[in-house]
């Protein structure tokens, strides 16, 4: 006689099943999984305080939870709009999963919405500022060769920080001038590499990396001084060190090179669909942010350069 295992009803069990689904079937990143885990634990605290059950909660009660987050009750600071949007997205995804698994008959989060957040335009560098930054890693030491190749590649290919530190030797084809970047959700894309980045990579791979790695079997391209793969913190320190030397520290993060890559390509005539492919954006609406950024920069150039523009700038 076979017995059917009862469906989970406790939030902790439902969470584990949901997070496993996101990791194994959706391929979400570790950072996203940890954020969703934290969001659901906070939701669990709300359920416990109010005496609600995850499988019987209503749309009204879910809206009350979102309102509580927005207002900053229970001794917590009010959630920022972007954070609130993520928490709402987490709940919507969680309850869609429960509906798909037939643990609930009606999705109470189907109409749940967070506040609209005003998209902030990212920081970008001018071409001259990028040139200044890329000139900072001076000398022929292994670390200098690595830093030069790292910065050149991030700018040439628009890589995210996670893509740069995760880049493996097998993903490089310098003869063809391309690399394979593994982005969010383990999605792979092909990105061209510019000639300056190829030159810096060749020099680093021939003269710098072997001295750092030694006999270690390390698949990743960019390594630390001990020969192990570079960490996110290590990447951040490298970018900040050279940004400081260039007088750009207050405007720089690893992502700034990606934003600058996108803005400079658009300004140079690259079409939006091609840029979307190179950036690895699932939604072209994300890429369209850079069209606004380019327009703002064009306005700045105009007002700074046109002899009769300054008198009209305030109107």
C-alpha atoms as a PDB file:
ATOM      1  CA  UNK A   1       0.000   0.000   0.000  1.00  0.00           C
ATOM      2  CA  UNK A   2       1.471   3.354  -1.047  1.00  0.00           C
ATOM      3  CA  UNK A   3       0.954   6.529   0.897  1.00  0.00           C
ATOM      4  CA  UNK A   4       0.904  10.010  -0.567  1.00  0.00           C
ATOM      5  CA  UNK A   5       3.252  12.416   1.157  1.00  0.00           C
ATOM      6  CA  UNK A   6       1.258  15.396   2.446  1.00  0.00           C
ATOM      7  CA  UNK A   7       1.845  18.711   0.712  1.00  0.00           C
ATOM      8  CA  UNK A   8       3.882  21.223   2.771  1.00  0.00           C
ATOM      9  CA  UNK A   9       1.947  23.952   4.523  1.00  0.00           C
ATOM     10  CA  UNK A  10       4.587  25.606   6.748  1.00  0.00           C
ATOM     11  CA  UNK A  11       6.253  28.672   5.248  1.00  0.00           C
ATOM     12  CA  UNK A  12       9.735  27.251   5.923  1.00  0.00           C
ATOM     13  CA  UNK A  13       8.969  24.156   3.833  1.00  0.00           C
ATOM     14  CA  UNK A  14       7.256  26.167   1.110  1.00  0.00           C
ATOM     15  CA  UNK A  15      10.277  28.500   0.985  1.00  0.00           C
ATOM     16  CA  UNK A  16      12.749  25.651   0.548  1.00  0.00           C
ATOM     17  CA  UNK A  17      10.720  24.185  -2.297  1.00  0.00           C
ATOM     18  CA  UNK A  18      10.355  27.589  -3.983  1.00  0.00           C
ATOM     19  CA  UNK A  19      14.047  28.506  -3.679  1.00  0.00           C
ATOM     20  CA  UNK A  20      15.075  25.092  -5.010  1.00  0.00           C
ATOM     21  CA  UNK A  21      12.801  25.678  -8.013  1.00  0.00           C
ATOM     22  CA  UNK A  22      14.380  29.091  -8.638  1.00  0.00           C
ATOM     23  CA  UNK A  23      17.909  27.710  -8.410  1.00  0.00           C
ATOM     24  CA  UNK A  24      17.520  24.444 -10.327  1.00  0.00           C
ATOM     25  CA  UNK A  25      14.891  25.301 -12.931  1.00  0.00           C
ATOM     26  CA  UNK A  26      15.169  29.068 -13.332  1.00  0.00           C
ATOM     27  CA  UNK A  27      18.924  29.292 -12.740  1.00  0.00           C
ATOM     28  CA  UNK A  28      18.747  32.473 -10.658  1.00  0.00           C
ATOM     29  CA  UNK A  29      21.958  33.860  -9.223  1.00  0.00           C
ATOM     30  CA  UNK A  30      23.112  33.242  -5.653  1.00  0.00           C
ATOM     31  CA  UNK A  31      22.602  36.916  -4.798  1.00  0.00           C
ATOM     32  CA  UNK A  32      18.992  36.875  -6.011  1.00  0.00           C
ATOM     33  CA  UNK A  33      18.263  33.661  -4.109  1.00  0.00           C
ATOM     34  CA  UNK A  34      19.659  35.142  -0.890  1.00  0.00           C
ATOM     35  CA  UNK A  35      17.603  38.318  -1.379  1.00  0.00           C
ATOM     36  CA  UNK A  36      14.421  36.282  -1.923  1.00  0.00           C
ATOM     37  CA  UNK A  37      15.201  34.130   1.117  1.00  0.00           C
ATOM     38  CA  UNK A  38      15.520  37.273   3.250  1.00  0.00           C
ATOM     39  CA  UNK A  39      12.298  38.726   1.790  1.00  0.00           C
ATOM     40  CA  UNK A  40      10.328  35.561   2.578  1.00  0.00           C
ATOM     41  CA  UNK A  41      11.728  35.371   6.094  1.00  0.00           C
ATOM     42  CA  UNK A  42      10.515  38.928   6.663  1.00  0.00           C
ATOM     43  CA  UNK A  43       7.137  37.890   5.243  1.00  0.00           C
ATOM     44  CA  UNK A  44       7.132  34.980   7.708  1.00  0.00           C
ATOM     45  CA  UNK A  45       7.600  37.413  10.615  1.00  0.00           C
ATOM     46  CA  UNK A  46       4.569  39.355   9.381  1.00  0.00           C
ATOM     47  CA  UNK A  47       2.490  36.156   9.173  1.00  0.00           C
ATOM     48  CA  UNK A  48       3.482  35.151  12.698  1.00  0.00           C
ATOM     49  CA  UNK A  49       2.608  38.586  14.142  1.00  0.00           C
ATOM     50  CA  UNK A  50      -0.789  38.681  12.472  1.00  0.00           C
ATOM     51  CA  UNK A  51      -1.650  35.002  12.870  1.00  0.00           C
ATOM     52  CA  UNK A  52      -2.011  34.477   9.108  1.00  0.00           C
ATOM     53  CA  UNK A  53      -1.203  31.287   7.212  1.00  0.00           C
ATOM     54  CA  UNK A  54       0.736  31.431   3.919  1.00  0.00           C
ATOM     55  CA  UNK A  55      -1.786  29.293   1.992  1.00  0.00           C
ATOM     56  CA  UNK A  56      -4.909  31.146   3.134  1.00  0.00           C
ATOM     57  CA  UNK A  57      -3.746  34.756   3.176  1.00  0.00           C
ATOM     58  CA  UNK A  58      -5.830  37.183   1.122  1.00  0.00           C
ATOM     59  CA  UNK A  59      -4.929  39.952  -1.304  1.00  0.00           C
ATOM     60  CA  UNK A  60      -5.981  42.543   1.287  1.00  0.00           C
ATOM     61  CA  UNK A  61      -3.649  41.067   3.895  1.00  0.00           C
ATOM     62  CA  UNK A  62      -0.752  40.953   1.415  1.00  0.00           C
ATOM     63  CA  UNK A  63      -1.359  44.614   0.584  1.00  0.00           C
ATOM     64  CA  UNK A  64      -1.218  45.330   4.310  1.00  0.00           C
ATOM     65  CA  UNK A  65       2.228  43.710   4.446  1.00  0.00           C
ATOM     66  CA  UNK A  66       3.485  45.859   1.550  1.00  0.00           C
ATOM     67  CA  UNK A  67       2.031  48.967   3.195  1.00  0.00           C
ATOM     68  CA  UNK A  68       3.829  48.080   6.422  1.00  0.00           C
ATOM     69  CA  UNK A  69       7.135  47.809   4.531  1.00  0.00           C
ATOM     70  CA  UNK A  70       6.583  51.139   2.781  1.00  0.00           C
ATOM     71  CA  UNK A  71       5.712  52.937   6.030  1.00  0.00           C
ATOM     72  CA  UNK A  72       8.534  51.432   8.072  1.00  0.00           C
ATOM     73  CA  UNK A  73       6.514  50.040  10.945  1.00  0.00           C
ATOM     74  CA  UNK A  74       7.586  47.458  13.556  1.00  0.00           C
ATOM     75  CA  UNK A  75      10.805  49.326  14.287  1.00  0.00           C
ATOM     76  CA  UNK A  76      12.079  49.060  10.708  1.00  0.00           C
ATOM     77  CA  UNK A  77      13.101  51.848   8.385  1.00  0.00           C
ATOM     78  CA  UNK A  78      10.812  52.416   5.425  1.00  0.00           C
ATOM     79  CA  UNK A  79      11.901  50.286   2.459  1.00  0.00           C
ATOM     80  CA  UNK A  80      13.303  52.141  -0.525  1.00  0.00           C
ATOM     81  CA  UNK A  81      11.118  51.940  -3.678  1.00  0.00           C
ATOM     82  CA  UNK A  82      13.550  49.635  -5.499  1.00  0.00           C
ATOM     83  CA  UNK A  83      13.742  47.295  -2.477  1.00  0.00           C
ATOM     84  CA  UNK A  84       9.963  47.306  -2.165  1.00  0.00           C
ATOM     85  CA  UNK A  85       9.606  46.448  -5.847  1.00  0.00           C
ATOM     86  CA  UNK A  86      11.898  43.444  -5.353  1.00  0.00           C
ATOM     87  CA  UNK A  87       9.932  42.225  -2.335  1.00  0.00           C
ATOM     88  CA  UNK A  88       6.674  42.515  -4.276  1.00  0.00           C
ATOM     89  CA  UNK A  89       8.254  40.643  -7.201  1.00  0.00           C
ATOM     90  CA  UNK A  90       9.369  37.932  -4.765  1.00  0.00           C
ATOM     91  CA  UNK A  91       5.849  37.499  -3.363  1.00  0.00           C
ATOM     92  CA  UNK A  92       4.277  37.446  -6.820  1.00  0.00           C
ATOM     93  CA  UNK A  93       6.736  34.791  -7.982  1.00  0.00           C
ATOM     94  CA  UNK A  94       6.267  32.795  -4.758  1.00  0.00           C
ATOM     95  CA  UNK A  95       2.478  32.671  -5.070  1.00  0.00           C
ATOM     96  CA  UNK A  96       2.615  31.911  -8.803  1.00  0.00           C
ATOM     97  CA  UNK A  97       4.754  28.921  -7.865  1.00  0.00           C
ATOM     98  CA  UNK A  98       2.254  27.787  -5.212  1.00  0.00           C
ATOM     99  CA  UNK A  99      -0.569  28.117  -7.748  1.00  0.00           C
ATOM    100  CA  UNK A 100       1.418  26.145 -10.320  1.00  0.00           C
ATOM    101  CA  UNK A 101       2.028  23.419  -7.731  1.00  0.00           C
ATOM    102  CA  UNK A 102      -1.743  23.402  -6.994  1.00  0.00           C
ATOM    103  CA  UNK A 103      -1.190  24.218  -3.350  1.00  0.00           C
ATOM    104  CA  UNK A 104      -3.611  27.141  -3.666  1.00  0.00           C
ATOM    105  CA  UNK A 105      -6.615  27.575  -5.904  1.00  0.00           C
ATOM    106  CA  UNK A 106      -6.405  31.351  -6.177  1.00  0.00           C
ATOM    107  CA  UNK A 107      -3.329  33.566  -6.388  1.00  0.00           C
ATOM    108  CA  UNK A 108      -3.704  36.370  -3.808  1.00  0.00           C
ATOM    109  CA  UNK A 109      -0.606  38.182  -5.135  1.00  0.00           C
ATOM    110  CA  UNK A 110      -1.752  38.388  -8.775  1.00  0.00           C
ATOM    111  CA  UNK A 111      -2.730  42.055  -8.469  1.00  0.00           C
ATOM    112  CA  UNK A 112      -0.106  43.026  -5.884  1.00  0.00           C
ATOM    113  CA  UNK A 113       1.874  46.107  -6.905  1.00  0.00           C
ATOM    114  CA  UNK A 114       4.638  48.161  -5.359  1.00  0.00           C
ATOM    115  CA  UNK A 115       5.142  51.901  -5.779  1.00  0.00           C
ATOM    116  CA  UNK A 116       6.567  53.132  -9.053  1.00  0.00           C
ATOM    117  CA  UNK A 117      10.232  53.964  -8.628  1.00  0.00           C
ATOM    118  CA  UNK A 118      11.808  56.707 -10.702  1.00  0.00           C
ATOM    119  CA  UNK A 119      14.632  55.207 -12.717  1.00  0.00           C
ATOM    120  CA  UNK A 120      17.943  56.753 -11.729  1.00  0.00           C
ATOM    121  CA  UNK A 121      20.367  57.406 -14.543  1.00  0.00           C
ATOM    122  CA  UNK A 122      23.648  55.594 -13.855  1.00  0.00           C
ATOM    123  CA  UNK A 123      27.017  57.294 -13.600  1.00  0.00           C
ATOM    124  CA  UNK A 124      29.064  57.209 -16.804  1.00  0.00           C
ATOM    125  CA  UNK A 125      32.527  58.419 -17.707  1.00  0.00           C
ATOM    126  CA  UNK A 126      33.409  60.515 -20.731  1.00  0.00           C
ATOM    127  CA  UNK A 127      35.739  59.001 -23.328  1.00  0.00           C
ATOM    128  CA  UNK A 128      38.610  61.110 -21.980  1.00  0.00           C
ATOM    129  CA  UNK A 129      37.913  59.924 -18.423  1.00  0.00           C
ATOM    130  CA  UNK A 130      37.898  56.291 -19.567  1.00  0.00           C
ATOM    131  CA  UNK A 131      41.226  56.842 -21.336  1.00  0.00           C
ATOM    132  CA  UNK A 132      42.640  58.374 -18.153  1.00  0.00           C
ATOM    133  CA  UNK A 133      41.384  55.459 -16.027  1.00  0.00           C
ATOM    134  CA  UNK A 134      42.746  52.794 -18.383  1.00  0.00           C
ATOM    135  CA  UNK A 135      46.174  54.456 -18.315  1.00  0.00           C
ATOM    136  CA  UNK A 136      46.509  54.082 -14.525  1.00  0.00           C
ATOM    137  CA  UNK A 137      47.831  50.483 -14.251  1.00  0.00           C
ATOM    138  CA  UNK A 138      51.411  51.345 -15.180  1.00  0.00           C
ATOM    139  CA  UNK A 139      54.431  49.073 -15.386  1.00  0.00           C
ATOM    140  CA  UNK A 140      55.066  45.451 -16.262  1.00  0.00           C
ATOM    141  CA  UNK A 141      54.435  43.733 -12.935  1.00  0.00           C
ATOM    142  CA  UNK A 142      51.945  40.824 -13.035  1.00  0.00           C
ATOM    143  CA  UNK A 143      49.434  42.863 -11.023  1.00  0.00           C
ATOM    144  CA  UNK A 144      49.700  45.847 -13.388  1.00  0.00           C
ATOM    145  CA  UNK A 145      49.291  43.633 -16.458  1.00  0.00           C
ATOM    146  CA  UNK A 146      46.250  41.993 -14.840  1.00  0.00           C
ATOM    147  CA  UNK A 147      44.655  45.297 -13.868  1.00  0.00           C
ATOM    148  CA  UNK A 148      45.151  46.779 -17.333  1.00  0.00           C
ATOM    149  CA  UNK A 149      43.653  43.705 -19.013  1.00  0.00           C
ATOM    150  CA  UNK A 150      40.770  43.614 -16.523  1.00  0.00           C
ATOM    151  CA  UNK A 151      39.759  47.263 -16.964  1.00  0.00           C
ATOM    152  CA  UNK A 152      40.189  47.144 -20.744  1.00  0.00           C
ATOM    153  CA  UNK A 153      38.041  43.997 -21.008  1.00  0.00           C
ATOM    154  CA  UNK A 154      35.265  45.294 -18.752  1.00  0.00           C
ATOM    155  CA  UNK A 155      35.016  48.489 -20.806  1.00  0.00           C
ATOM    156  CA  UNK A 156      35.453  46.784 -24.188  1.00  0.00           C
ATOM    157  CA  UNK A 157      32.754  44.180 -23.517  1.00  0.00           C
ATOM    158  CA  UNK A 158      30.401  45.852 -21.043  1.00  0.00           C
ATOM    159  CA  UNK A 159      30.856  43.053 -18.513  1.00  0.00           C
ATOM    160  CA  UNK A 160      29.118  42.940 -15.159  1.00  0.00           C
ATOM    161  CA  UNK A 161      31.413  42.478 -12.150  1.00  0.00           C
ATOM    162  CA  UNK A 162      30.222  38.876 -11.735  1.00  0.00           C
ATOM    163  CA  UNK A 163      30.902  38.167 -15.420  1.00  0.00           C
ATOM    164  CA  UNK A 164      34.426  39.591 -15.223  1.00  0.00           C
ATOM    165  CA  UNK A 165      35.467  37.573 -12.173  1.00  0.00           C
ATOM    166  CA  UNK A 166      33.739  34.442 -13.517  1.00  0.00           C
ATOM    167  CA  UNK A 167      35.319  34.676 -16.982  1.00  0.00           C
ATOM    168  CA  UNK A 168      37.216  31.471 -17.811  1.00  0.00           C
ATOM    169  CA  UNK A 169      40.082  30.851 -20.208  1.00  0.00           C
ATOM    170  CA  UNK A 170      37.895  28.528 -22.260  1.00  0.00           C
ATOM    171  CA  UNK A 171      35.471  31.424 -22.894  1.00  0.00           C
ATOM    172  CA  UNK A 172      38.124  33.521 -24.669  1.00  0.00           C
ATOM    173  CA  UNK A 173      38.814  33.359 -28.406  1.00  0.00           C
ATOM    174  CA  UNK A 174      41.290  36.162 -28.988  1.00  0.00           C
ATOM    175  CA  UNK A 175      41.997  35.127 -32.582  1.00  0.00           C
ATOM    176  CA  UNK A 176      38.305  35.553 -33.415  1.00  0.00           C
ATOM    177  CA  UNK A 177      38.032  38.595 -31.132  1.00  0.00           C
ATOM    178  CA  UNK A 178      35.124  37.317 -29.030  1.00  0.00           C
ATOM    179  CA  UNK A 179      34.354  36.028 -25.554  1.00  0.00           C
ATOM    180  CA  UNK A 180      31.444  34.123 -24.011  1.00  0.00           C
ATOM    181  CA  UNK A 181      29.989  35.913 -21.008  1.00  0.00           C
ATOM    182  CA  UNK A 182      27.784  34.096 -18.512  1.00  0.00           C
ATOM    183  CA  UNK A 183      25.210  36.570 -17.253  1.00  0.00           C
ATOM    184  CA  UNK A 184      22.181  36.522 -14.989  1.00  0.00           C
ATOM    185  CA  UNK A 185      20.345  33.223 -14.827  1.00  0.00           C
ATOM    186  CA  UNK A 186      23.422  31.479 -16.310  1.00  0.00           C
ATOM    187  CA  UNK A 187      22.534  32.882 -19.744  1.00  0.00           C
ATOM    188  CA  UNK A 188      25.445  32.867 -22.173  1.00  0.00           C
ATOM    189  CA  UNK A 189      26.090  35.548 -24.784  1.00  0.00           C
ATOM    190  CA  UNK A 190      28.813  36.236 -27.323  1.00  0.00           C
ATOM    191  CA  UNK A 191      30.497  39.651 -27.063  1.00  0.00           C
ATOM    192  CA  UNK A 192      33.123  41.159 -29.405  1.00  0.00           C
ATOM    193  CA  UNK A 193      36.452  42.232 -27.878  1.00  0.00           C
ATOM    194  CA  UNK A 194      38.140  45.419 -29.093  1.00  0.00           C
ATOM    195  CA  UNK A 195      41.746  45.450 -30.308  1.00  0.00           C
ATOM    196  CA  UNK A 196      43.105  47.327 -27.257  1.00  0.00           C
ATOM    197  CA  UNK A 197      41.528  44.786 -24.895  1.00  0.00           C
ATOM    198  CA  UNK A 198      42.850  41.888 -26.998  1.00  0.00           C
ATOM    199  CA  UNK A 199      46.352  43.353 -26.857  1.00  0.00           C
ATOM    200  CA  UNK A 200      46.150  43.800 -23.059  1.00  0.00           C
ATOM    201  CA  UNK A 201      44.737  40.297 -22.573  1.00  0.00           C
ATOM    202  CA  UNK A 202      47.460  38.688 -24.697  1.00  0.00           C
ATOM    203  CA  UNK A 203      50.192  40.458 -22.725  1.00  0.00           C
ATOM    204  CA  UNK A 204      48.628  39.517 -19.385  1.00  0.00           C
ATOM    205  CA  UNK A 205      48.057  35.871 -20.391  1.00  0.00           C
ATOM    206  CA  UNK A 206      51.609  35.511 -21.694  1.00  0.00           C
ATOM    207  CA  UNK A 207      53.635  37.525 -19.166  1.00  0.00           C
ATOM    208  CA  UNK A 208      51.491  38.242 -16.101  1.00  0.00           C
ATOM    209  CA  UNK A 209      49.052  35.462 -15.329  1.00  0.00           C
ATOM    210  CA  UNK A 210      51.594  32.563 -15.433  1.00  0.00           C
ATOM    211  CA  UNK A 211      53.664  34.313 -12.738  1.00  0.00           C
ATOM    212  CA  UNK A 212      50.568  34.746 -10.549  1.00  0.00           C
ATOM    213  CA  UNK A 213      49.100  31.260 -11.040  1.00  0.00           C
ATOM    214  CA  UNK A 214      52.286  29.184 -10.935  1.00  0.00           C
ATOM    215  CA  UNK A 215      51.400  25.491 -10.906  1.00  0.00           C
ATOM    216  CA  UNK A 216      47.815  26.068  -9.735  1.00  0.00           C
ATOM    217  CA  UNK A 217      45.083  24.647 -11.986  1.00  0.00           C
ATOM    218  CA  UNK A 218      42.896  27.766 -12.132  1.00  0.00           C
ATOM    219  CA  UNK A 219      40.330  28.108 -14.950  1.00  0.00           C
ATOM    220  CA  UNK A 220      39.451  31.751 -14.383  1.00  0.00           C
ATOM    221  CA  UNK A 221      41.155  34.462 -16.394  1.00  0.00           C
ATOM    222  CA  UNK A 222      41.580  37.071 -13.665  1.00  0.00           C
ATOM    223  CA  UNK A 223      43.343  35.920 -10.505  1.00  0.00           C
ATOM    224  CA  UNK A 224      44.583  37.482  -7.279  1.00  0.00           C
ATOM    225  CA  UNK A 225      48.187  37.692  -6.131  1.00  0.00           C
ATOM    226  CA  UNK A 226      47.952  34.135  -4.727  1.00  0.00           C
ATOM    227  CA  UNK A 227      46.843  32.750  -8.098  1.00  0.00           C
ATOM    228  CA  UNK A 228      43.226  32.021  -7.115  1.00  0.00           C
ATOM    229  CA  UNK A 229      40.213  33.453  -8.921  1.00  0.00           C
ATOM    230  CA  UNK A 230      39.589  37.126  -8.225  1.00  0.00           C
ATOM    231  CA  UNK A 231      36.755  37.836  -5.765  1.00  0.00           C
ATOM    232  CA  UNK A 232      34.094  40.536  -6.065  1.00  0.00           C
ATOM    233  CA  UNK A 233      35.789  42.448  -3.224  1.00  0.00           C
ATOM    234  CA  UNK A 234      39.144  42.135  -4.978  1.00  0.00           C
ATOM    235  CA  UNK A 235      37.679  43.496  -8.203  1.00  0.00           C
ATOM    236  CA  UNK A 236      36.117  46.426  -6.358  1.00  0.00           C
ATOM    237  CA  UNK A 237      39.449  47.313  -4.713  1.00  0.00           C
ATOM    238  CA  UNK A 238      41.265  47.230  -8.056  1.00  0.00           C
ATOM    239  CA  UNK A 239      38.703  49.524  -9.694  1.00  0.00           C
ATOM    240  CA  UNK A 240      38.668  51.935  -6.746  1.00  0.00           C
ATOM    241  CA  UNK A 241      42.469  52.067  -6.518  1.00  0.00           C
ATOM    242  CA  UNK A 242      42.897  53.094 -10.145  1.00  0.00           C
ATOM    243  CA  UNK A 243      39.843  55.366 -10.078  1.00  0.00           C
ATOM    244  CA  UNK A 244      41.429  57.147  -7.094  1.00  0.00           C
ATOM    245  CA  UNK A 245      44.675  57.603  -8.983  1.00  0.00           C
ATOM    246  CA  UNK A 246      42.715  59.107 -11.887  1.00  0.00           C
ATOM    247  CA  UNK A 247      40.734  61.422  -9.599  1.00  0.00           C
ATOM    248  CA  UNK A 248      37.501  59.552 -10.380  1.00  0.00           C
ATOM    249  CA  UNK A 249      36.911  57.590  -7.154  1.00  0.00           C
ATOM    250  CA  UNK A 250      33.737  59.508  -6.259  1.00  0.00           C
ATOM    251  CA  UNK A 251      32.166  58.549  -9.600  1.00  0.00           C
ATOM    252  CA  UNK A 252      33.328  54.961  -9.991  1.00  0.00           C
ATOM    253  CA  UNK A 253      32.175  51.449  -9.281  1.00  0.00           C
ATOM    254  CA  UNK A 254      32.846  48.303 -11.343  1.00  0.00           C
ATOM    255  CA  UNK A 255      29.455  48.828 -13.016  1.00  0.00           C
ATOM    256  CA  UNK A 256      30.446  52.323 -14.209  1.00  0.00           C
ATOM    257  CA  UNK A 257      32.543  50.798 -17.002  1.00  0.00           C
ATOM    258  CA  UNK A 258      29.513  48.796 -18.188  1.00  0.00           C
ATOM    259  CA  UNK A 259      27.345  51.939 -18.199  1.00  0.00           C
ATOM    260  CA  UNK A 260      30.061  53.862 -20.051  1.00  0.00           C
ATOM    261  CA  UNK A 261      30.405  51.050 -22.626  1.00  0.00           C
ATOM    262  CA  UNK A 262      26.663  51.179 -23.363  1.00  0.00           C
ATOM    263  CA  UNK A 263      26.427  54.971 -23.517  1.00  0.00           C
ATOM    264  CA  UNK A 264      29.467  55.347 -25.784  1.00  0.00           C
ATOM    265  CA  UNK A 265      28.202  52.658 -28.173  1.00  0.00           C
ATOM    266  CA  UNK A 266      24.813  54.355 -28.496  1.00  0.00           C
ATOM    267  CA  UNK A 267      26.435  57.747 -29.004  1.00  0.00           C
ATOM    268  CA  UNK A 268      28.553  56.155 -31.742  1.00  0.00           C
ATOM    269  CA  UNK A 269      25.502  54.922 -33.643  1.00  0.00           C
ATOM    270  CA  UNK A 270      24.998  51.389 -32.279  1.00  0.00           C
ATOM    271  CA  UNK A 271      21.365  50.272 -32.610  1.00  0.00           C
ATOM    272  CA  UNK A 272      19.355  49.409 -29.512  1.00  0.00           C
ATOM    273  CA  UNK A 273      18.772  45.724 -30.353  1.00  0.00           C
ATOM    274  CA  UNK A 274      22.477  45.054 -30.875  1.00  0.00           C
ATOM    275  CA  UNK A 275      23.286  46.813 -27.610  1.00  0.00           C
ATOM    276  CA  UNK A 276      20.640  44.719 -25.844  1.00  0.00           C
ATOM    277  CA  UNK A 277      22.356  41.555 -27.115  1.00  0.00           C
ATOM    278  CA  UNK A 278      25.807  42.725 -26.029  1.00  0.00           C
ATOM    279  CA  UNK A 279      24.590  43.734 -22.557  1.00  0.00           C
ATOM    280  CA  UNK A 280      22.578  40.535 -22.098  1.00  0.00           C
ATOM    281  CA  UNK A 281      19.348  42.342 -21.171  1.00  0.00           C
ATOM    282  CA  UNK A 282      16.259  40.139 -21.239  1.00  0.00           C
ATOM    283  CA  UNK A 283      14.007  43.186 -21.703  1.00  0.00           C
ATOM    284  CA  UNK A 284      14.832  45.962 -24.163  1.00  0.00           C
ATOM    285  CA  UNK A 285      13.152  48.430 -21.784  1.00  0.00           C
ATOM    286  CA  UNK A 286      16.224  48.055 -19.555  1.00  0.00           C
ATOM    287  CA  UNK A 287      18.491  48.949 -22.477  1.00  0.00           C
ATOM    288  CA  UNK A 288      16.348  51.966 -23.355  1.00  0.00           C
ATOM    289  CA  UNK A 289      17.539  53.645 -20.158  1.00  0.00           C
ATOM    290  CA  UNK A 290      20.772  54.428 -22.015  1.00  0.00           C
ATOM    291  CA  UNK A 291      18.936  56.379 -24.712  1.00  0.00           C
ATOM    292  CA  UNK A 292      17.824  58.853 -22.028  1.00  0.00           C
ATOM    293  CA  UNK A 293      21.365  58.938 -20.670  1.00  0.00           C
ATOM    294  CA  UNK A 294      22.798  59.680 -24.115  1.00  0.00           C
ATOM    295  CA  UNK A 295      20.271  62.486 -24.623  1.00  0.00           C
ATOM    296  CA  UNK A 296      21.279  64.043 -21.301  1.00  0.00           C
ATOM    297  CA  UNK A 297      24.965  63.913 -22.238  1.00  0.00           C
ATOM    298  CA  UNK A 298      24.247  65.447 -25.652  1.00  0.00           C
ATOM    299  CA  UNK A 299      22.428  68.294 -23.909  1.00  0.00           C
ATOM    300  CA  UNK A 300      25.413  68.837 -21.603  1.00  0.00           C
ATOM    301  CA  UNK A 301      27.817  68.904 -24.558  1.00  0.00           C
ATOM    302  CA  UNK A 302      25.569  71.364 -26.384  1.00  0.00           C
ATOM    303  CA  UNK A 303      25.263  73.789 -23.480  1.00  0.00           C
ATOM    304  CA  UNK A 304      28.971  73.619 -22.727  1.00  0.00           C
ATOM    305  CA  UNK A 305      30.053  74.110 -26.344  1.00  0.00           C
ATOM    306  CA  UNK A 306      27.531  76.340 -28.100  1.00  0.00           C
ATOM    307  CA  UNK A 307      28.496  80.033 -27.830  1.00  0.00           C
ATOM    308  CA  UNK A 308      24.902  81.210 -27.486  1.00  0.00           C
ATOM    309  CA  UNK A 309      23.506  78.319 -25.432  1.00  0.00           C
ATOM    310  CA  UNK A 310      24.532  79.424 -21.941  1.00  0.00           C
ATOM    311  CA  UNK A 311      22.191  82.429 -21.820  1.00  0.00           C
ATOM    312  CA  UNK A 312      19.190  80.177 -22.480  1.00  0.00           C
ATOM    313  CA  UNK A 313      20.130  77.250 -20.231  1.00  0.00           C
ATOM    314  CA  UNK A 314      17.971  78.231 -17.289  1.00  0.00           C
ATOM    315  CA  UNK A 315      14.815  78.800 -19.349  1.00  0.00           C
END
